[in-house]
Structure formats: structure tokens, C-alpha cells
Protein backbone atom coordinates (compact mmCIF):
# COMPACT_ATOMS: atom_id res chain seq x y z
CA MET A 1 20.91 92.05 -54.95
CA ASP A 2 19.33 90.66 -51.76
CA THR A 3 21.14 89.33 -48.73
CA THR A 4 20.34 85.68 -49.50
CA GLN A 5 21.78 85.98 -53.02
CA ARG A 6 24.95 87.67 -51.68
CA THR A 7 25.38 85.01 -49.10
CA GLY A 8 25.05 82.23 -51.64
CA GLN A 9 27.56 83.94 -53.93
CA GLN A 10 29.99 84.27 -50.98
CA ARG A 11 29.64 80.61 -50.13
CA SER A 12 30.29 79.60 -53.65
CA ALA A 13 33.32 81.88 -53.85
CA ASP A 14 34.67 80.46 -50.52
CA HIS A 15 34.09 76.81 -51.86
CA ARG A 16 35.92 77.66 -55.05
CA ARG A 17 38.82 79.17 -53.16
CA ARG A 18 39.11 76.07 -50.92
CA GLU A 19 39.19 73.91 -54.09
CA LEU A 20 41.96 76.01 -55.57
CA LEU A 21 43.96 75.86 -52.29
CA GLU A 22 43.60 72.12 -52.26
CA ALA A 23 44.84 71.91 -55.83
CA ALA A 24 47.78 74.12 -54.83
CA ASP A 25 48.48 71.81 -51.81
CA ARG A 26 48.69 68.87 -54.19
CA VAL A 27 51.27 70.60 -56.37
CA VAL A 28 53.23 71.86 -53.36
CA LEU A 29 53.33 68.27 -51.90
CA ARG A 30 54.70 67.15 -55.27
CA ASP A 31 57.02 70.01 -56.28
CA GLY A 32 57.82 71.83 -53.02
CA PRO A 33 59.44 75.20 -53.61
CA HIS A 34 59.42 74.54 -57.33
CA ALA A 35 55.60 74.72 -57.37
CA SER A 36 54.65 77.29 -59.99
CA MET A 37 51.40 79.25 -60.74
CA ASN A 38 51.24 77.42 -64.12
CA ALA A 39 51.35 73.95 -62.47
CA ILE A 40 48.82 74.95 -59.85
CA ALA A 41 46.43 76.41 -62.48
CA ALA A 42 46.86 73.15 -64.53
CA GLU A 43 46.16 70.99 -61.44
CA ALA A 44 42.98 73.06 -60.80
CA GLY A 45 41.89 72.77 -64.42
CA ILE A 46 41.85 76.57 -64.97
CA THR A 47 44.00 79.19 -66.69
CA LYS A 48 46.53 81.20 -64.86
CA PRO A 49 44.64 84.46 -65.19
CA ILE A 50 41.73 82.82 -63.25
CA LEU A 51 44.17 81.88 -60.55
CA TYR A 52 45.48 85.42 -60.43
CA ARG A 53 41.83 86.68 -60.14
CA HIS A 54 41.44 84.75 -56.88
CA PHE A 55 44.88 85.35 -55.33
CA GLY A 56 46.51 88.16 -57.21
CA ASP A 57 49.98 86.68 -57.58
CA LYS A 58 52.20 83.97 -56.06
CA GLY A 59 52.56 86.11 -52.95
CA GLY A 60 48.82 86.12 -52.47
CA LEU A 61 48.57 82.37 -52.99
CA TYR A 62 51.48 81.84 -50.60
CA ALA A 63 49.78 83.94 -47.99
CA ALA A 64 46.51 81.95 -48.21
CA LEU A 65 48.35 78.58 -48.03
CA ALA A 66 50.38 79.93 -45.07
CA VAL A 67 47.26 80.84 -43.18
CA ARG A 68 45.77 77.38 -43.98
CA HIS A 69 48.75 75.46 -42.69
CA THR A 70 49.60 77.82 -39.84
CA ASP A 71 46.04 77.54 -38.50
CA ALA A 72 46.27 73.74 -38.56
CA LEU A 73 49.74 73.80 -36.83
CA LEU A 74 48.59 76.17 -34.11
CA ALA A 75 45.59 73.98 -33.38
CA SER A 76 47.94 70.98 -33.03
CA LEU A 77 50.30 72.99 -30.76
CA ARG A 78 47.41 74.13 -28.51
CA ALA A 79 46.25 70.52 -28.22
CA ALA A 80 49.72 69.49 -27.09
CA LEU A 81 49.82 72.30 -24.59
CA ASP A 82 46.36 71.37 -23.22
CA ALA A 83 47.15 67.66 -22.92
CA PRO A 84 46.75 66.24 -19.37
CA ALA A 85 50.42 65.59 -18.56
CA GLU A 86 53.25 66.92 -16.47
CA ARG A 87 54.76 70.29 -17.60
CA ARG A 88 57.93 68.77 -18.96
CA GLN A 89 55.94 66.16 -20.96
CA ARG A 90 53.81 68.96 -22.41
CA VAL A 91 56.88 71.02 -23.40
CA GLU A 92 58.38 67.96 -25.13
CA ALA A 93 55.04 67.22 -26.82
CA THR A 94 54.77 70.76 -28.11
CA LEU A 95 58.25 70.69 -29.56
CA ASP A 96 57.67 67.28 -31.04
CA THR A 97 54.34 68.38 -32.60
CA TYR A 98 56.07 71.20 -34.51
CA LEU A 99 58.94 68.90 -35.70
CA ALA A 100 56.53 66.13 -36.64
CA ALA A 101 54.51 68.50 -38.74
CA ILE A 102 57.46 69.73 -40.79
CA GLU A 103 58.84 66.14 -41.02
CA ALA A 104 55.41 64.82 -42.31
CA ARG A 105 55.14 67.43 -45.08
CA PRO A 106 58.62 68.70 -45.87
CA GLN A 107 57.74 69.90 -49.31
CA VAL A 108 55.05 72.06 -47.80
CA TYR A 109 57.51 73.38 -45.23
CA ARG A 110 60.12 74.18 -47.93
CA PHE A 111 57.56 75.94 -50.10
CA LEU A 112 56.52 78.14 -47.15
CA MET A 113 59.98 78.85 -45.82
CA HIS A 114 62.21 78.42 -48.77
CA PRO A 115 60.29 79.30 -51.87
CA ALA A 116 63.23 81.15 -53.35
CA ASP A 117 64.99 77.76 -53.68
CA GLY A 118 62.59 76.99 -56.50
CA ALA A 119 63.77 78.50 -59.84
CA ALA A 120 60.84 80.00 -61.82
CA THR A 121 60.10 78.34 -65.03
CA PRO A 122 60.17 80.31 -68.34
CA GLY A 123 56.33 80.75 -68.12
CA ASP A 124 56.54 82.11 -64.56
CA GLN A 125 58.89 85.03 -64.90
CA ALA A 126 56.72 87.19 -62.72
CA GLU A 127 57.54 84.81 -59.79
CA GLN A 128 61.21 85.85 -59.92
CA GLY A 129 60.60 88.78 -57.66
CA PHE A 130 58.86 86.71 -54.95
CA ASP A 131 60.22 87.77 -51.53
CA VAL A 132 60.32 84.91 -48.98
CA GLY A 133 61.11 87.17 -46.08
CA LYS A 134 58.14 89.32 -46.68
CA HIS A 135 55.81 86.32 -46.29
CA SER A 136 57.54 83.91 -43.96
CA ALA A 137 58.30 86.45 -41.25
CA PRO A 138 54.72 87.08 -40.41
CA LEU A 139 54.12 83.41 -39.92
CA LEU A 140 56.85 83.14 -37.30
CA ARG A 141 55.65 86.40 -35.77
CA ARG A 142 52.13 85.02 -35.49
CA MET A 143 53.26 81.79 -33.87
CA GLY A 144 55.45 83.83 -31.48
CA GLU A 145 52.47 85.88 -30.33
CA GLU A 146 50.27 82.96 -29.97
CA LEU A 147 52.79 81.14 -27.81
CA ALA A 148 53.42 84.35 -25.78
CA GLN A 149 49.74 84.58 -24.97
CA VAL A 150 49.69 81.03 -23.77
CA ILE A 151 52.62 81.62 -21.57
CA GLU A 152 51.14 84.89 -20.18
CA GLU A 153 47.87 83.19 -19.43
CA ARG A 154 49.39 80.15 -17.65
CA LEU A 155 52.62 81.20 -15.93
CA ASP A 156 53.49 83.61 -13.20
CA VAL A 157 57.13 84.70 -13.42
CA GLY A 158 56.72 87.82 -11.33
CA PRO A 159 56.91 91.43 -12.32
CA GLY A 160 57.13 91.96 -16.03
CA THR A 161 55.31 88.65 -16.90
CA GLN A 162 53.73 90.12 -20.01
CA GLN A 163 56.97 91.30 -21.50
CA LEU A 164 58.85 88.14 -20.51
CA ALA A 165 56.14 86.05 -22.06
CA ARG A 166 56.63 87.72 -25.39
CA VAL A 167 60.38 87.29 -25.17
CA TRP A 168 59.92 83.64 -24.43
CA GLY A 169 57.24 83.06 -27.07
CA HIS A 170 59.28 84.55 -29.84
CA GLY A 171 62.47 83.07 -28.60
CA ILE A 172 60.98 79.57 -28.46
CA VAL A 173 59.43 79.86 -31.94
CA GLY A 174 62.80 81.17 -33.36
CA MET A 175 64.59 78.22 -31.76
CA MET A 176 62.08 75.68 -33.02
CA HIS A 177 62.24 77.08 -36.46
CA ALA A 178 66.06 77.38 -36.71
CA ALA A 179 66.66 73.99 -35.08
CA GLY A 180 63.91 72.28 -37.09
CA ASP A 181 65.24 73.82 -40.40
CA TRP A 182 68.73 72.49 -39.72
CA TRP A 183 67.50 69.09 -38.51
CA LEU A 184 65.14 68.63 -41.58
CA GLY A 185 67.99 69.36 -43.94
CA GLU A 186 70.72 67.29 -42.31
CA ARG A 187 69.00 64.70 -40.06
CA PRO A 188 72.02 64.54 -37.70
CA CYS A 189 69.88 62.88 -34.94
CA THR A 190 66.49 61.36 -34.28
CA ARG A 191 63.50 63.56 -33.72
CA ALA A 192 63.27 62.29 -30.12
CA GLU A 193 66.84 63.30 -29.54
CA LEU A 194 66.32 66.77 -30.93
CA VAL A 195 63.17 67.23 -28.75
CA ALA A 196 65.06 66.15 -25.59
CA GLY A 197 67.86 68.52 -26.38
CA LEU A 198 65.66 71.51 -26.97
CA ALA A 199 63.59 70.72 -23.86
CA ASP A 200 66.74 70.62 -21.80
CA LEU A 201 67.68 74.03 -23.07
CA LEU A 202 64.25 75.51 -22.15
CA TRP A 203 63.72 73.65 -18.92
CA GLY A 204 65.53 75.68 -16.30
CA ARG A 205 63.34 78.73 -16.05
CA LEU A 206 60.20 76.98 -17.18
CA ALA A 207 60.57 74.39 -14.38
CA ALA A 208 60.90 77.15 -11.77
CA ALA A 209 58.02 79.24 -12.94
CA GLY A 210 54.77 78.98 -10.98
CA ASP A 211 51.29 78.55 -12.49
CA LYS A 212 49.32 81.76 -12.81
CA ALA A 213 46.58 81.95 -10.15
CA GLY A 214 43.20 81.18 -11.72
CA GLY A 215 44.81 80.20 -15.04
CA PRO A 216 44.62 76.82 -16.80
CA GLY A 217 48.08 75.76 -15.67
CA PHE A 218 51.15 75.00 -17.73
């Protein structure tokens, strides 16, 4: 098989994979954590064995959807951090971007973070063993590392900046996730009120930190 043929086959496989992920997205938007492999296969117009051939199992499909949505969320968070505004405004915009994303697609959020809430249907017994922690933890870890890198590149907090940046990155992501999860479920206040409260909690040390020399600024 020559290189051109292999490249064409890879493009075709990538295109088919995107189509299946889009079908999965439609089912997740409708069914949230109750989305099943049977329903996704039906939406895509294929049999479940074909879906397994592409993703292995629900964990494999979950991981692919997680990458898809995490990539989009991280791009939005970076845009908020890069916006031409004062630091406090950018902190609030970044928090609001995360909360707006989970508010806009709550069923997707629940599928990614609470898939165990969805009881498997009789035809999906293999999904009973799906481990949410195994798959959701890497998402939060990735977001924490990304934010840590941004902090390290932009702020100078003296000796130990690299370590403190990682502490802050993972701590902020954990705070956003826990507060957002609680807020999405109970809606005890407006999104703006939650953003302001979280920004107040973060602001003390962030306000005092200087920009890193030669960096893009924070």
C-alpha cells in the first residue's frame, strides 16, 4: 500500500470518527448521563459492534468525547485569559467562561462528570462497570496543568514559582469544578454572583503577584 492510499484511508477513518462523535454528541445533548451505546449506534445508523470497533467500549467513546469538549473549553479559557483587559476582569472572564460552558450544555457536562448517574439499559449491561473517576480525573488534571503553565508563564511570585503555579492551577480548577457542580445542580445564585464570589476568594495573592519579566502578562 503506497503512502497516498494510506493517507486517504486515514482521512476517511478520521472523517468517519468525527461523524460518530457528532452522533454521540446529539444523543448526549438529549439524554445526558443516560446516553447509551445502543442509542448512539442507532443515531449514527450503525450497529453497536461497529461503534465498538471505533471506540472499544463506552470508556473509549467517553475519552474521545472528553478530549473533544476539553479542547474546545481550553481554547475558550485561553481566549479569556488573553483578552485585553485588567487582570481582575480577566480572572472573572475566565471563571465565567467555564461556568457559561457547563450552563450552556448541562447534559454534556453531566455525561462527562456524572455518567454513573445514568442507569444502563438492559441492552447495555457491559456499561454497568463504567468507572467515572477513571475518566473524569484526567480531564481535571489536564485543565489544572494547562492553567499552571499559563500562571508560570505570566506571573512572578518569587522563589518556587513553578511549584506554586501548579498548586494554584490545580487548586483553581478544583474550585471551579466543585463550585460549578454545586451551582449547576442547585442554582442558589446567579452566574455573575458566583463569578464575583470566586474571584474575591482568588484575588488576594493574584492581585499582589507581579507579571513575569518578558512574559505576556496576566
